[in-house]
Amino acid sequence: MIAAAGLALLGACDVSFPVAVVGPGNTVFKGSATATFLEGGWFQATNGATTCQGRYRPNGQTGTTTFPVKCSNGMTGVGTATYETPRSGGGEIVMKDGARWKFIFGRAALAV
């Protein structure tokens, strides 16, 4: 019963961490991701003119997740991220036009 109560509390906790996305021509988008234990989360990043966002579900078996990405300028793509820890990692977003963007989340995003 105590374990179930603990899991219920964890399920309600949101954790936020920084995100950086580097696109063609070293265009940098910065923002944040918010994760909810066992429920996945979402990210949003902007370069000032364009905002991109995506929503993901956790994949506990592989440590890798894929997610759709949609930007305010109409661009869309699919991201793939691999977790190094529950709050950090990175991957790539492949946009519909074929452009490959680097996706970084956690402390490493602060250095971009």
PDB file of N, CA and C in Angstrom:
ATOM      1  N   MET A   1       0.820  -1.179   0.000  1.00  0.00           N
ATOM      2  CA  MET A   1       0.000   0.000   0.000  1.00  0.00           C
ATOM      3  C   MET A   1       0.874   1.257   0.000  1.00  0.00           C
ATOM      4  N   ILE A   2       1.946   1.243   0.787  1.00  0.00           N
ATOM      5  CA  ILE A   2       2.861   2.390   0.819  1.00  0.00           C
ATOM      6  C   ILE A   2       3.527   2.563  -0.535  1.00  0.00           C
ATOM      7  N   ALA A   3       3.944   1.448  -1.153  1.00  0.00           N
ATOM      8  CA  ALA A   3       4.578   1.527  -2.472  1.00  0.00           C
ATOM      9  C   ALA A   3       3.611   2.117  -3.494  1.00  0.00           C
ATOM     10  N   ALA A   4       2.353   1.722  -3.450  1.00  0.00           N
ATOM     11  CA  ALA A   4       1.363   2.257  -4.389  1.00  0.00           C
ATOM     12  C   ALA A   4       1.176   3.751  -4.181  1.00  0.00           C
ATOM     13  N   ALA A   5       1.161   4.191  -2.930  1.00  0.00           N
ATOM     14  CA  ALA A   5       1.030   5.620  -2.648  1.00  0.00           C
ATOM     15  C   ALA A   5       2.248   6.373  -3.166  1.00  0.00           C
ATOM     16  N   GLY A   6       3.421   5.793  -3.007  1.00  0.00           N
ATOM     17  CA  GLY A   6       4.647   6.424  -3.506  1.00  0.00           C
ATOM     18  C   GLY A   6       4.630   6.551  -5.019  1.00  0.00           C
ATOM     19  N   LEU A   7       4.183   5.507  -5.713  1.00  0.00           N
ATOM     20  CA  LEU A   7       4.086   5.567  -7.165  1.00  0.00           C
ATOM     21  C   LEU A   7       3.057   6.593  -7.605  1.00  0.00           C
ATOM     22  N   ALA A   8       1.969   6.713  -6.883  1.00  0.00           N
ATOM     23  CA  ALA A   8       0.955   7.714  -7.227  1.00  0.00           C
ATOM     24  C   ALA A   8       1.529   9.116  -7.103  1.00  0.00           C
ATOM     25  N   LEU A   9       2.318   9.353  -6.075  1.00  0.00           N
ATOM     26  CA  LEU A   9       2.944  10.662  -5.911  1.00  0.00           C
ATOM     27  C   LEU A   9       3.947  10.929  -7.020  1.00  0.00           C
ATOM     28  N   LEU A  10       4.762   9.926  -7.368  1.00  0.00           N
ATOM     29  CA  LEU A  10       5.728  10.098  -8.448  1.00  0.00           C
ATOM     30  C   LEU A  10       5.031  10.345  -9.770  1.00  0.00           C
ATOM     31  N   GLY A  11       3.896   9.688  -9.986  1.00  0.00           N
ATOM     32  CA  GLY A  11       3.153   9.857 -11.221  1.00  0.00           C
ATOM     33  C   GLY A  11       2.642  11.271 -11.407  1.00  0.00           C
ATOM     34  N   ALA A  12       2.483  11.988 -10.332  1.00  0.00           N
ATOM     35  CA  ALA A  12       1.972  13.352 -10.404  1.00  0.00           C
ATOM     36  C   ALA A  12       3.088  14.384 -10.523  1.00  0.00           C
ATOM     37  N   CYS A  13       4.348  13.974 -10.392  1.00  0.00           N
ATOM     38  CA  CYS A  13       5.468  14.912 -10.399  1.00  0.00           C
ATOM     39  C   CYS A  13       5.908  15.239 -11.818  1.00  0.00           C
ATOM     40  N   ASP A  14       5.998  16.511 -12.115  1.00  0.00           N
ATOM     41  CA  ASP A  14       6.549  16.958 -13.384  1.00  0.00           C
ATOM     42  C   ASP A  14       7.992  17.376 -13.154  1.00  0.00           C
ATOM     43  N   VAL A  15       8.861  17.003 -14.085  1.00  0.00           N
ATOM     44  CA  VAL A  15      10.262  17.362 -14.015  1.00  0.00           C
ATOM     45  C   VAL A  15      10.594  18.116 -15.298  1.00  0.00           C
ATOM     46  N   SER A  16      11.184  19.305 -15.163  1.00  0.00           N
ATOM     47  CA  SER A  16      11.573  20.099 -16.328  1.00  0.00           C
ATOM     48  C   SER A  16      13.086  20.151 -16.458  1.00  0.00           C
ATOM     49  N   PHE A  17      13.549  20.207 -17.696  1.00  0.00           N
ATOM     50  CA  PHE A  17      14.981  20.306 -17.957  1.00  0.00           C
ATOM     51  C   PHE A  17      15.182  21.048 -19.270  1.00  0.00           C
ATOM     52  N   PRO A  18      16.385  21.625 -19.478  1.00  0.00           N
ATOM     53  CA  PRO A  18      16.633  22.422 -20.680  1.00  0.00           C
ATOM     54  C   PRO A  18      16.747  21.568 -21.937  1.00  0.00           C
ATOM     55  N   VAL A  19      16.418  22.197 -23.072  1.00  0.00           N
ATOM     56  CA  VAL A  19      16.502  21.567 -24.390  1.00  0.00           C
ATOM     57  C   VAL A  19      17.184  22.536 -25.339  1.00  0.00           C
ATOM     58  N   ALA A  20      18.018  21.998 -26.220  1.00  0.00           N
ATOM     59  CA  ALA A  20      18.590  22.781 -27.313  1.00  0.00           C
ATOM     60  C   ALA A  20      18.440  21.957 -28.586  1.00  0.00           C
ATOM     61  N   VAL A  21      18.091  22.641 -29.664  1.00  0.00           N
ATOM     62  CA  VAL A  21      17.983  22.009 -30.973  1.00  0.00           C
ATOM     63  C   VAL A  21      18.824  22.850 -31.919  1.00  0.00           C
ATOM     64  N   VAL A  22      19.729  22.186 -32.655  1.00  0.00           N
ATOM     65  CA  VAL A  22      20.592  22.895 -33.590  1.00  0.00           C
ATOM     66  C   VAL A  22      20.213  22.456 -35.000  1.00  0.00           C
ATOM     67  N   GLY A  23      19.751  23.426 -35.772  1.00  0.00           N
ATOM     68  CA  GLY A  23      19.303  23.151 -37.133  1.00  0.00           C
ATOM     69  C   GLY A  23      20.343  23.554 -38.160  1.00  0.00           C
ATOM     70  N   PRO A  24      19.959  23.513 -39.435  1.00  0.00           N
ATOM     71  CA  PRO A  24      20.871  23.881 -40.523  1.00  0.00           C
ATOM     72  C   PRO A  24      21.436  25.291 -40.330  1.00  0.00           C
ATOM     73  N   GLY A  25      22.676  25.474 -40.716  1.00  0.00           N
ATOM     74  CA  GLY A  25      23.318  26.777 -40.568  1.00  0.00           C
ATOM     75  C   GLY A  25      23.564  27.142 -39.121  1.00  0.00           C
ATOM     76  N   ASN A  26      23.615  26.114 -38.245  1.00  0.00           N
ATOM     77  CA  ASN A  26      23.808  26.311 -36.808  1.00  0.00           C
ATOM     78  C   ASN A  26      22.741  27.202 -36.178  1.00  0.00           C
ATOM     79  N   THR A  27      21.519  27.143 -36.705  1.00  0.00           N
ATOM     80  CA  THR A  27      20.393  27.835 -36.092  1.00  0.00           C
ATOM     81  C   THR A  27      20.081  27.137 -34.777  1.00  0.00           C
ATOM     82  N   VAL A  28      20.089  27.893 -33.681  1.00  0.00           N
ATOM     83  CA  VAL A  28      19.893  27.300 -32.357  1.00  0.00           C
ATOM     84  C   VAL A  28      18.508  27.646 -31.819  1.00  0.00           C
ATOM     85  N   PHE A  29      17.809  26.613 -31.405  1.00  0.00           N
ATOM     86  CA  PHE A  29      16.529  26.743 -30.728  1.00  0.00           C
ATOM     87  C   PHE A  29      16.762  26.346 -29.276  1.00  0.00           C
ATOM     88  N   LYS A  30      16.258  27.129 -28.336  1.00  0.00           N
ATOM     89  CA  LYS A  30      16.390  26.793 -26.924  1.00  0.00           C
ATOM     90  C   LYS A  30      15.023  26.767 -26.273  1.00  0.00           C
ATOM     91  N   GLY A  31      14.897  25.892 -25.282  1.00  0.00           N
ATOM     92  CA  GLY A  31      13.629  25.785 -24.588  1.00  0.00           C
ATOM     93  C   GLY A  31      13.722  24.806 -23.450  1.00  0.00           C
ATOM     94  N   SER A  32      12.619  24.101 -23.218  1.00  0.00           N
ATOM     95  CA  SER A  32      12.595  23.158 -22.107  1.00  0.00           C
ATOM     96  C   SER A  32      11.728  21.959 -22.450  1.00  0.00           C
ATOM     97  N   ALA A  33      11.941  20.906 -21.700  1.00  0.00           N
ATOM     98  CA  ALA A  33      11.122  19.705 -21.788  1.00  0.00           C
ATOM     99  C   ALA A  33      10.536  19.458 -20.412  1.00  0.00           C
ATOM    100  N   THR A  34       9.346  18.944 -20.384  1.00  0.00           N
ATOM    101  CA  THR A  34       8.697  18.580 -19.135  1.00  0.00           C
ATOM    102  C   THR A  34       8.294  17.120 -19.237  1.00  0.00           C
ATOM    103  N   ALA A  35       8.725  16.327 -18.268  1.00  0.00           N
ATOM    104  CA  ALA A  35       8.417  14.897 -18.254  1.00  0.00           C
ATOM    105  C   ALA A  35       7.592  14.569 -17.022  1.00  0.00           C
ATOM    106  N   THR A  36       6.645  13.672 -17.201  1.00  0.00           N
ATOM    107  CA  THR A  36       5.841  13.162 -16.107  1.00  0.00           C
ATOM    108  C   THR A  36       6.139  11.679 -15.983  1.00  0.00           C
ATOM    109  N   PHE A  37       6.475  11.243 -14.805  1.00  0.00           N
ATOM    110  CA  PHE A  37       6.841   9.854 -14.555  1.00  0.00           C
ATOM    111  C   PHE A  37       5.794   8.908 -15.138  1.00  0.00           C
ATOM    112  N   LEU A  38       6.230   7.981 -15.956  1.00  0.00           N
ATOM    113  CA  LEU A  38       5.417   6.941 -16.598  1.00  0.00           C
ATOM    114  C   LEU A  38       4.448   7.446 -17.663  1.00  0.00           C
ATOM    115  N   GLU A  39       4.352   8.744 -17.882  1.00  0.00           N
ATOM    116  CA  GLU A  39       3.386   9.268 -18.842  1.00  0.00           C
ATOM    117  C   GLU A  39       4.018   9.947 -20.049  1.00  0.00           C
ATOM    118  N   GLY A  40       5.327  10.105 -20.073  1.00  0.00           N
ATOM    119  CA  GLY A  40       5.961  10.812 -21.171  1.00  0.00           C
ATOM    120  C   GLY A  40       6.024  12.294 -20.894  1.00  0.00           C
ATOM    121  N   GLY A  41       6.095  13.084 -21.939  1.00  0.00           N
ATOM    122  CA  GLY A  41       6.184  14.514 -21.737  1.00  0.00           C
ATOM    123  C   GLY A  41       6.170  15.254 -23.054  1.00  0.00           C
ATOM    124  N   TRP A  42       6.651  16.487 -23.017  1.00  0.00           N
ATOM    125  CA  TRP A  42       6.671  17.321 -24.194  1.00  0.00           C
ATOM    126  C   TRP A  42       7.860  18.270 -24.129  1.00  0.00           C
ATOM    127  N   PHE A  43       8.244  18.805 -25.289  1.00  0.00           N
ATOM    128  CA  PHE A  43       9.283  19.825 -25.322  1.00  0.00           C
ATOM    129  C   PHE A  43       8.821  20.963 -26.212  1.00  0.00           C
ATOM    130  N   GLN A  44       9.416  22.118 -25.986  1.00  0.00           N
ATOM    131  CA  GLN A  44       9.178  23.290 -26.813  1.00  0.00           C
ATOM    132  C   GLN A  44      10.469  24.079 -26.857  1.00  0.00           C
ATOM    133  N   ALA A  45      10.856  24.529 -28.050  1.00  0.00           N
ATOM    134  CA  ALA A  45      12.079  25.311 -28.207  1.00  0.00           C
ATOM    135  C   ALA A  45      11.849  26.369 -29.273  1.00  0.00           C
ATOM    136  N   THR A  46      12.514  27.518 -29.118  1.00  0.00           N
ATOM    137  CA  THR A  46      12.332  28.621 -30.062  1.00  0.00           C
ATOM    138  C   THR A  46      13.676  29.259 -30.416  1.00  0.00           C
ATOM    139  N   ASN A  47      13.750  29.836 -31.591  1.00  0.00           N
ATOM    140  CA  ASN A  47      14.913  30.645 -31.975  1.00  0.00           C
ATOM    141  C   ASN A  47      14.528  32.120 -32.018  1.00  0.00           C
ATOM    142  N   GLY A  48      13.368  32.443 -31.498  1.00  0.00           N
ATOM    143  CA  GLY A  48      12.881  33.818 -31.486  1.00  0.00           C
ATOM    144  C   GLY A  48      11.856  34.066 -32.575  1.00  0.00           C
ATOM    145  N   ALA A  49      12.045  33.462 -33.744  1.00  0.00           N
ATOM    146  CA  ALA A  49      11.116  33.637 -34.852  1.00  0.00           C
ATOM    147  C   ALA A  49      10.211  32.417 -35.025  1.00  0.00           C
ATOM    148  N   THR A  50      10.746  31.242 -34.749  1.00  0.00           N
ATOM    149  CA  THR A  50      10.018  29.994 -34.947  1.00  0.00           C
ATOM    150  C   THR A  50      10.041  29.187 -33.657  1.00  0.00           C
ATOM    151  N   THR A  51       8.934  28.548 -33.348  1.00  0.00           N
ATOM    152  CA  THR A  51       8.841  27.667 -32.186  1.00  0.00           C
ATOM    153  C   THR A  51       8.525  26.257 -32.671  1.00  0.00           C
ATOM    154  N   CYS A  52       9.250  25.285 -32.132  1.00  0.00           N
ATOM    155  CA  CYS A  52       9.005  23.880 -32.464  1.00  0.00           C
ATOM    156  C   CYS A  52       8.652  23.139 -31.180  1.00  0.00           C
ATOM    157  N   GLN A  53       7.797  22.131 -31.326  1.00  0.00           N
ATOM    158  CA  GLN A  53       7.385  21.362 -30.155  1.00  0.00           C
ATOM    159  C   GLN A  53       7.111  19.916 -30.533  1.00  0.00           C
ATOM    160  N   GLY A  54       7.131  19.070 -29.523  1.00  0.00           N
ATOM    161  CA  GLY A  54       6.834  17.664 -29.722  1.00  0.00           C
ATOM    162  C   GLY A  54       6.375  17.033 -28.424  1.00  0.00           C
ATOM    163  N   ARG A  55       5.650  15.945 -28.543  1.00  0.00           N
ATOM    164  CA  ARG A  55       5.139  15.211 -27.387  1.00  0.00           C
ATOM    165  C   ARG A  55       5.605  13.771 -27.530  1.00  0.00           C
ATOM    166  N   TYR A  56       6.074  13.177 -26.425  1.00  0.00           N
ATOM    167  CA  TYR A  56       6.613  11.824 -26.490  1.00  0.00           C
ATOM    168  C   TYR A  56       6.068  10.946 -25.378  1.00  0.00           C
ATOM    169  N   ARG A  57       6.146   9.634 -25.614  1.00  0.00           N
ATOM    170  CA  ARG A  57       5.772   8.617 -24.629  1.00  0.00           C
ATOM    171  C   ARG A  57       7.043   7.893 -24.235  1.00  0.00           C
ATOM    172  N   PRO A  58       7.173   7.495 -22.989  1.00  0.00           N
ATOM    173  CA  PRO A  58       8.393   6.792 -22.580  1.00  0.00           C
ATOM    174  C   PRO A  58       8.468   5.397 -23.185  1.00  0.00           C
ATOM    175  N   ASN A  59       9.692   4.950 -23.416  1.00  0.00           N
ATOM    176  CA  ASN A  59       9.931   3.587 -23.875  1.00  0.00           C
ATOM    177  C   ASN A  59      10.972   3.000 -22.946  1.00  0.00           C
ATOM    178  N   GLY A  60      10.538   2.457 -21.829  1.00  0.00           N
ATOM    179  CA  GLY A  60      11.423   1.974 -20.783  1.00  0.00           C
ATOM    180  C   GLY A  60      12.307   0.815 -21.176  1.00  0.00           C
ATOM    181  N   GLN A  61      11.942   0.074 -22.214  1.00  0.00           N
ATOM    182  CA  GLN A  61      12.720  -1.092 -22.587  1.00  0.00           C
ATOM    183  C   GLN A  61      14.009  -0.737 -23.307  1.00  0.00           C
ATOM    184  N   THR A  62      14.014   0.299 -24.142  1.00  0.00           N
ATOM    185  CA  THR A  62      15.204   0.595 -24.938  1.00  0.00           C
ATOM    186  C   THR A  62      15.923   1.863 -24.518  1.00  0.00           C
ATOM    187  N   GLY A  63      15.267   2.752 -23.805  1.00  0.00           N
ATOM    188  CA  GLY A  63      15.877   4.034 -23.461  1.00  0.00           C
ATOM    189  C   GLY A  63      15.858   5.003 -24.627  1.00  0.00           C
ATOM    190  N   THR A  64      15.173   4.640 -25.700  1.00  0.00           N
ATOM    191  CA  THR A  64      15.054   5.492 -26.883  1.00  0.00           C
ATOM    192  C   THR A  64      13.577   5.714 -27.173  1.00  0.00           C
ATOM    193  N   THR A  65      13.245   6.928 -27.589  1.00  0.00           N
ATOM    194  CA  THR A  65      11.863   7.240 -27.933  1.00  0.00           C
ATOM    195  C   THR A  65      11.826   8.027 -29.235  1.00  0.00           C
ATOM    196  N   THR A  66      10.760   7.898 -29.983  1.00  0.00           N
ATOM    197  CA  THR A  66      10.550   8.712 -31.174  1.00  0.00           C
ATOM    198  C   THR A  66       9.313   9.569 -30.942  1.00  0.00           C
ATOM    199  N   PHE A  67       9.284  10.717 -31.609  1.00  0.00           N
ATOM    200  CA  PHE A  67       8.194  11.658 -31.383  1.00  0.00           C
ATOM    201  C   PHE A  67       8.020  12.566 -32.595  1.00  0.00           C
ATOM    202  N   PRO A  68       6.783  12.970 -32.879  1.00  0.00           N
ATOM    203  CA  PRO A  68       6.539  13.927 -33.957  1.00  0.00           C
ATOM    204  C   PRO A  68       6.937  15.331 -33.507  1.00  0.00           C
ATOM    205  N   VAL A  69       7.403  16.129 -34.458  1.00  0.00           N
ATOM    206  CA  VAL A  69       7.790  17.520 -34.189  1.00  0.00           C
ATOM    207  C   VAL A  69       7.027  18.415 -35.157  1.00  0.00           C
ATOM    208  N   LYS A  70       6.490  19.497 -34.623  1.00  0.00           N
ATOM    209  CA  LYS A  70       5.763  20.461 -35.435  1.00  0.00           C
ATOM    210  C   LYS A  70       6.249  21.860 -35.082  1.00  0.00           C
ATOM    211  N   CYS A  71       6.505  22.677 -36.102  1.00  0.00           N
ATOM    212  CA  CYS A  71       7.001  24.040 -35.885  1.00  0.00           C
ATOM    213  C   CYS A  71       5.970  25.070 -36.326  1.00  0.00           C
ATOM    214  N   SER A  72       6.071  26.247 -35.749  1.00  0.00           N
ATOM    215  CA  SER A  72       5.103  27.312 -36.031  1.00  0.00           C
ATOM    216  C   SER A  72       5.175  27.808 -37.473  1.00  0.00           C
ATOM    217  N   ASN A  73       6.269  27.525 -38.194  1.00  0.00           N
ATOM    218  CA  ASN A  73       6.392  27.943 -39.583  1.00  0.00           C
ATOM    219  C   ASN A  73       5.898  26.870 -40.553  1.00  0.00           C
ATOM    220  N   GLY A  74       5.264  25.803 -40.019  1.00  0.00           N
ATOM    221  CA  GLY A  74       4.704  24.746 -40.845  1.00  0.00           C
ATOM    222  C   GLY A  74       5.611  23.539 -41.037  1.00  0.00           C
ATOM    223  N   MET A  75       6.864  23.623 -40.636  1.00  0.00           N
ATOM    224  CA  MET A  75       7.775  22.491 -40.786  1.00  0.00           C
ATOM    225  C   MET A  75       7.385  21.369 -39.821  1.00  0.00           C
ATOM    226  N   THR A  76       7.563  20.133 -40.260  1.00  0.00           N
ATOM    227  CA  THR A  76       7.287  18.977 -39.420  1.00  0.00           C
ATOM    228  C   THR A  76       8.423  17.969 -39.578  1.00  0.00           C
ATOM    229  N   GLY A  77       8.516  17.070 -38.614  1.00  0.00           N
ATOM    230  CA  GLY A  77       9.538  16.045 -38.676  1.00  0.00           C
ATOM    231  C   GLY A  77       9.312  14.993 -37.607  1.00  0.00           C
ATOM    232  N   VAL A  78      10.296  14.100 -37.499  1.00  0.00           N
ATOM    233  CA  VAL A  78      10.256  13.040 -36.504  1.00  0.00           C
ATOM    234  C   VAL A  78      11.575  13.051 -35.743  1.00  0.00           C
ATOM    235  N   GLY A  79      11.475  13.108 -34.430  1.00  0.00           N
ATOM    236  CA  GLY A  79      12.658  13.096 -33.579  1.00  0.00           C
ATOM    237  C   GLY A  79      12.896  11.726 -32.981  1.00  0.00           C
ATOM    238  N   THR A  80      14.152  11.439 -32.707  1.00  0.00           N
ATOM    239  CA  THR A  80      14.551  10.235 -31.990  1.00  0.00           C
ATOM    240  C   THR A  80      15.511  10.679 -30.906  1.00  0.00           C
ATOM    241  N   ALA A  81      15.235  10.291 -29.678  1.00  0.00           N
ATOM    242  CA  ALA A  81      16.095  10.679 -28.554  1.00  0.00           C
ATOM    243  C   ALA A  81      16.460   9.445 -27.745  1.00  0.00           C
ATOM    244  N   THR A  82      17.696   9.419 -27.274  1.00  0.00           N
ATOM    245  CA  THR A  82      18.175   8.349 -26.416  1.00  0.00           C
ATOM    246  C   THR A  82      18.545   8.953 -25.076  1.00  0.00           C
ATOM    247  N   TYR A  83      18.067   8.336 -24.022  1.00  0.00           N
ATOM    248  CA  TYR A  83      18.335   8.813 -22.668  1.00  0.00           C
ATOM    249  C   TYR A  83      19.687   8.305 -22.181  1.00  0.00           C
ATOM    250  N   GLU A  84      20.551   9.218 -21.703  1.00  0.00           N
ATOM    251  CA  GLU A  84      21.773   8.834 -20.995  1.00  0.00           C
ATOM    252  C   GLU A  84      21.443   8.636 -19.524  1.00  0.00           C
ATOM    253  N   THR A  85      20.582   9.529 -19.007  1.00  0.00           N
ATOM    254  CA  THR A  85      20.005   9.433 -17.668  1.00  0.00           C
ATOM    255  C   THR A  85      18.530   9.786 -17.851  1.00  0.00           C
ATOM    256  N   PRO A  86      17.706   9.663 -16.811  1.00  0.00           N
ATOM    257  CA  PRO A  86      16.292  10.037 -16.988  1.00  0.00           C
ATOM    258  C   PRO A  86      16.075  11.506 -17.364  1.00  0.00           C
ATOM    259  N   ARG A  87      17.082  12.368 -17.140  1.00  0.00           N
ATOM    260  CA  ARG A  87      16.923  13.798 -17.435  1.00  0.00           C
ATOM    261  C   ARG A  87      17.915  14.329 -18.448  1.00  0.00           C
ATOM    262  N   SER A  88      18.631  13.464 -19.143  1.00  0.00           N
ATOM    263  CA  SER A  88      19.584  13.967 -20.125  1.00  0.00           C
ATOM    264  C   SER A  88      19.806  12.962 -21.240  1.00  0.00           C
ATOM    265  N   GLY A  89      20.212  13.487 -22.371  1.00  0.00           N
ATOM    266  CA  GLY A  89      20.496  12.650 -23.525  1.00  0.00           C
ATOM    267  C   GLY A  89      20.450  13.474 -24.782  1.00  0.00           C
ATOM    268  N   GLY A  90      20.228  12.824 -25.882  1.00  0.00           N
ATOM    269  CA  GLY A  90      20.195  13.553 -27.138  1.00  0.00           C
ATOM    270  C   GLY A  90      19.790  12.657 -28.277  1.00  0.00           C
ATOM    271  N   GLY A  91      19.748  13.249 -29.433  1.00  0.00           N
ATOM    272  CA  GLY A  91      19.358  12.505 -30.609  1.00  0.00           C
ATOM    273  C   GLY A  91      19.282  13.408 -31.808  1.00  0.00           C
ATOM    274  N   GLU A  92      18.313  13.133 -32.649  1.00  0.00           N
ATOM    275  CA  GLU A  92      18.218  13.825 -33.923  1.00  0.00           C
ATOM    276  C   GLU A  92      16.757  14.012 -34.294  1.00  0.00           C
ATOM    277  N   ILE A  93      16.492  15.106 -34.972  1.00  0.00           N
ATOM    278  CA  ILE A  93      15.183  15.338 -35.565  1.00  0.00           C
ATOM    279  C   ILE A  93      15.394  15.383 -37.074  1.00  0.00           C
ATOM    280  N   VAL A  94      14.674  14.556 -37.799  1.00  0.00           N
ATOM    281  CA  VAL A  94      14.732  14.565 -39.257  1.00  0.00           C
ATOM    282  C   VAL A  94      13.458  15.244 -39.749  1.00  0.00           C
ATOM    283  N   MET A  95      13.639  16.402 -40.354  1.00  0.00           N
ATOM    284  CA  MET A  95      12.494  17.162 -40.840  1.00  0.00           C
ATOM    285  C   MET A  95      11.996  16.585 -42.159  1.00  0.00           C
ATOM    286  N   LYS A  96      10.776  16.900 -42.509  1.00  0.00           N
ATOM    287  CA  LYS A  96      10.152  16.371 -43.721  1.00  0.00           C
ATOM    288  C   LYS A  96      10.957  16.709 -44.973  1.00  0.00           C
ATOM    289  N   ASP A  97      11.672  17.851 -44.963  1.00  0.00           N
ATOM    290  CA  ASP A  97      12.471  18.245 -46.118  1.00  0.00           C
ATOM    291  C   ASP A  97      13.828  17.523 -46.161  1.00  0.00           C
ATOM    292  N   GLY A  98      14.082  16.622 -45.175  1.00  0.00           N
ATOM    293  CA  GLY A  98      15.330  15.860 -45.146  1.00  0.00           C
ATOM    294  C   GLY A  98      16.410  16.463 -44.259  1.00  0.00           C
ATOM    295  N   ALA A  99      16.204  17.687 -43.791  1.00  0.00           N
ATOM    296  CA  ALA A  99      17.203  18.317 -42.927  1.00  0.00           C
ATOM    297  C   ALA A  99      17.312  17.559 -41.607  1.00  0.00           C
ATOM    298  N   ARG A 100      18.537  17.436 -41.107  1.00  0.00           N
ATOM    299  CA  ARG A 100      18.790  16.739 -39.843  1.00  0.00           C
ATOM    300  C   ARG A 100      19.191  17.766 -38.787  1.00  0.00           C
ATOM    301  N   TRP A 101      18.457  17.761 -37.686  1.00  0.00           N
ATOM    302  CA  TRP A 101      18.690  18.692 -36.600  1.00  0.00           C
ATOM    303  C   TRP A 101      19.189  17.910 -35.390  1.00  0.00           C
ATOM    304  N   LYS A 102      20.133  18.460 -34.670  1.00  0.00           N
ATOM    305  CA  LYS A 102      20.641  17.830 -33.450  1.00  0.00           C
ATOM    306  C   LYS A 102      19.731  18.215 -32.283  1.00  0.00           C
ATOM    307  N   PHE A 103      19.363  17.233 -31.465  1.00  0.00           N
ATOM    308  CA  PHE A 103      18.457  17.430 -30.331  1.00  0.00           C
ATOM    309  C   PHE A 103      19.204  17.069 -29.053  1.00  0.00           C
ATOM    310  N   ILE A 104      19.286  18.015 -28.103  1.00  0.00           N
ATOM    311  CA  ILE A 104      20.041  17.809 -26.864  1.00  0.00           C
ATOM    312  C   ILE A 104      19.131  18.185 -25.699  1.00  0.00           C
ATOM    313  N   PHE A 105      19.086  17.337 -24.665  1.00  0.00           N
ATOM    314  CA  PHE A 105      18.311  17.705 -23.485  1.00  0.00           C
ATOM    315  C   PHE A 105      19.087  17.376 -22.228  1.00  0.00           C
ATOM    316  N   GLY A 106      18.830  18.174 -21.195  1.00  0.00           N
ATOM    317  CA  GLY A 106      19.565  18.042 -19.944  1.00  0.00           C
ATOM    318  C   GLY A 106      20.641  19.117 -19.850  1.00  0.00           C
ATOM    319  N   ARG A 107      21.587  18.921 -18.927  1.00  0.00           N
ATOM    320  CA  ARG A 107      22.645  19.933 -18.687  1.00  0.00           C
ATOM    321  C   ARG A 107      23.433  20.303 -19.933  1.00  0.00           C
ATOM    322  N   ALA A 108      23.681  19.340 -20.808  1.00  0.00           N
ATOM    323  CA  ALA A 108      24.466  19.622 -22.029  1.00  0.00           C
ATOM    324  C   ALA A 108      23.798  20.676 -22.894  1.00  0.00           C
ATOM    325  N   ALA A 109      22.474  20.811 -22.818  1.00  0.00           N
ATOM    326  CA  ALA A 109      21.763  21.814 -23.610  1.00  0.00           C
ATOM    327  C   ALA A 109      22.124  23.229 -23.180  1.00  0.00           C
ATOM    328  N   LEU A 110      22.543  23.394 -21.943  1.00  0.00           N
ATOM    329  CA  LEU A 110      22.912  24.731 -21.455  1.00  0.00           C
ATOM    330  C   LEU A 110      24.199  25.245 -22.108  1.00  0.00           C
ATOM    331  N   ALA A 111      25.040  24.337 -22.600  1.00  0.00           N
ATOM    332  CA  ALA A 111      26.321  24.728 -23.199  1.00  0.00           C
ATOM    333  C   ALA A 111      26.181  25.123 -24.668  1.00  0.00           C
ATOM    334  N   VAL A 112      25.003  24.930 -25.244  1.00  0.00           N
ATOM    335  CA  VAL A 112      24.801  25.231 -26.666  1.00  0.00           C
ATOM    336  C   VAL A 112      24.482  26.692 -26.838  1.00  0.00           C
TER     337      VAL A 112
END
